[in-house]
Amino acid sequence: MKILDDLWYGNVSPFEQCSQDNKRLKELLSLMARNRGELGETLTEKQKEALEKFEDCMNEMHSVTERDAFSYGFRLGVRLMAEAFLLSICEEN
């Protein structure tokens, strides 16, 4: 049960592991930060507030979709393992 304990206590972070060495992701984050900075310099205060609200919604949406994708992937992995296990039992009999 070590992996479940690690997952429970936050010692396993699938997102961090997946993105840690992803060069393309780092490039995109840098590009986004640069473009956000340039955009922020040209906006009025009211427009900046609207942009921040938009970004908050986008971040929440990404969080929900990432959680759903993780959940689906986990369930799919368990189903694949269960099927492989059951097939090996059936082949033995």
Protein backbone atom coordinates (compact mmCIF):
# COMPACT_ATOMS: atom_id res chain seq x y z
CA MET A 1 0.00 0.00 0.00
CA LYS A 2 3.02 2.31 -0.12
CA ILE A 3 1.97 4.04 -3.35
CA LEU A 4 -1.51 4.73 -1.98
CA ASP A 5 0.02 6.17 1.19
CA ASP A 6 2.34 8.35 -0.88
CA LEU A 7 -0.57 9.51 -3.01
CA TRP A 8 -2.67 10.24 0.08
CA TYR A 9 0.06 12.23 1.82
CA GLY A 10 0.90 14.23 -1.30
CA ASN A 11 4.28 12.61 -1.88
CA VAL A 12 3.26 11.69 -5.42
CA SER A 13 2.30 14.48 -7.77
CA PRO A 14 1.54 13.15 -11.27
CA PHE A 15 1.36 16.63 -12.80
CA GLU A 16 4.76 17.66 -11.48
CA GLN A 17 6.31 14.41 -12.63
CA CYS A 18 4.84 14.75 -16.11
CA SER A 19 5.82 18.37 -16.61
CA GLN A 20 9.15 18.45 -14.78
CA ASP A 21 11.37 17.91 -17.84
CA ASN A 22 8.92 18.97 -20.54
CA LYS A 23 10.85 21.50 -22.62
CA ARG A 24 7.83 22.44 -24.74
CA LEU A 25 5.73 23.15 -21.65
CA LYS A 26 8.46 25.39 -20.23
CA GLU A 27 8.63 27.27 -23.55
CA LEU A 28 4.87 27.76 -23.57
CA LEU A 29 4.81 28.99 -19.97
CA SER A 30 7.57 31.48 -20.76
CA LEU A 31 5.71 32.68 -23.86
CA MET A 32 2.49 33.04 -21.90
CA ALA A 33 4.22 35.05 -19.18
CA ARG A 34 5.83 37.36 -21.71
CA ASN A 35 2.60 37.91 -23.61
CA ARG A 36 0.66 38.42 -20.37
CA GLY A 37 3.17 41.02 -19.28
CA GLU A 38 2.96 42.89 -22.57
CA LEU A 39 -0.82 42.78 -22.52
CA GLY A 40 -0.98 43.93 -18.91
CA GLU A 41 1.00 47.05 -19.76
CA THR A 42 -1.60 48.20 -22.30
CA LEU A 43 -4.83 47.55 -20.39
CA THR A 44 -6.92 49.89 -18.30
CA GLU A 45 -7.61 48.92 -14.67
CA LYS A 46 -11.11 47.72 -15.61
CA GLN A 47 -9.69 45.60 -18.44
CA LYS A 48 -7.03 44.18 -16.10
CA GLU A 49 -9.76 43.12 -13.67
CA ALA A 50 -11.68 41.45 -16.50
CA LEU A 51 -8.53 39.66 -17.64
CA GLU A 52 -7.82 38.44 -14.10
CA LYS A 53 -11.37 37.09 -13.80
CA PHE A 54 -10.97 35.37 -17.16
CA GLU A 55 -7.66 33.84 -16.06
CA ASP A 56 -9.23 32.65 -12.79
CA CYS A 57 -11.98 30.91 -14.74
CA MET A 58 -9.44 29.36 -17.14
CA ASN A 59 -7.34 28.10 -14.23
CA GLU A 60 -10.37 26.55 -12.55
CA MET A 61 -11.45 24.95 -15.83
CA HIS A 62 -7.96 23.49 -16.33
CA SER A 63 -7.98 22.17 -12.78
CA VAL A 64 -11.33 20.43 -13.34
CA THR A 65 -10.28 18.91 -16.67
CA GLU A 66 -6.91 17.76 -15.30
CA ARG A 67 -8.63 16.12 -12.33
CA ASP A 68 -11.12 14.41 -14.63
CA ALA A 69 -8.36 13.22 -16.98
CA PHE A 70 -6.37 11.88 -14.03
CA SER A 71 -9.42 10.11 -12.64
CA TYR A 72 -10.27 8.58 -16.02
CA GLY A 73 -6.67 7.47 -16.58
CA PHE A 74 -6.49 5.92 -13.14
CA ARG A 75 -9.76 4.02 -13.62
CA LEU A 76 -8.65 2.88 -17.08
CA GLY A 77 -5.35 1.63 -15.69
CA VAL A 78 -7.13 -0.32 -12.95
CA ARG A 79 -9.52 -1.84 -15.49
CA LEU A 80 -6.60 -2.87 -17.73
CA MET A 81 -4.80 -4.49 -14.81
CA ALA A 82 -7.96 -6.23 -13.65
CA GLU A 83 -8.59 -7.60 -17.13
CA ALA A 84 -4.99 -8.77 -17.48
CA PHE A 85 -5.18 -10.43 -14.07
CA LEU A 86 -8.51 -12.11 -14.86
CA LEU A 87 -7.27 -13.28 -18.26
CA SER A 88 -4.21 -14.87 -16.66
CA ILE A 89 -6.45 -16.68 -14.14
CA CYS A 90 -8.78 -17.91 -16.89
CA GLU A 91 -5.87 -19.16 -18.99
CA GLU A 92 -4.52 -21.13 -16.05
CA ASN A 93 -7.83 -22.98 -15.61
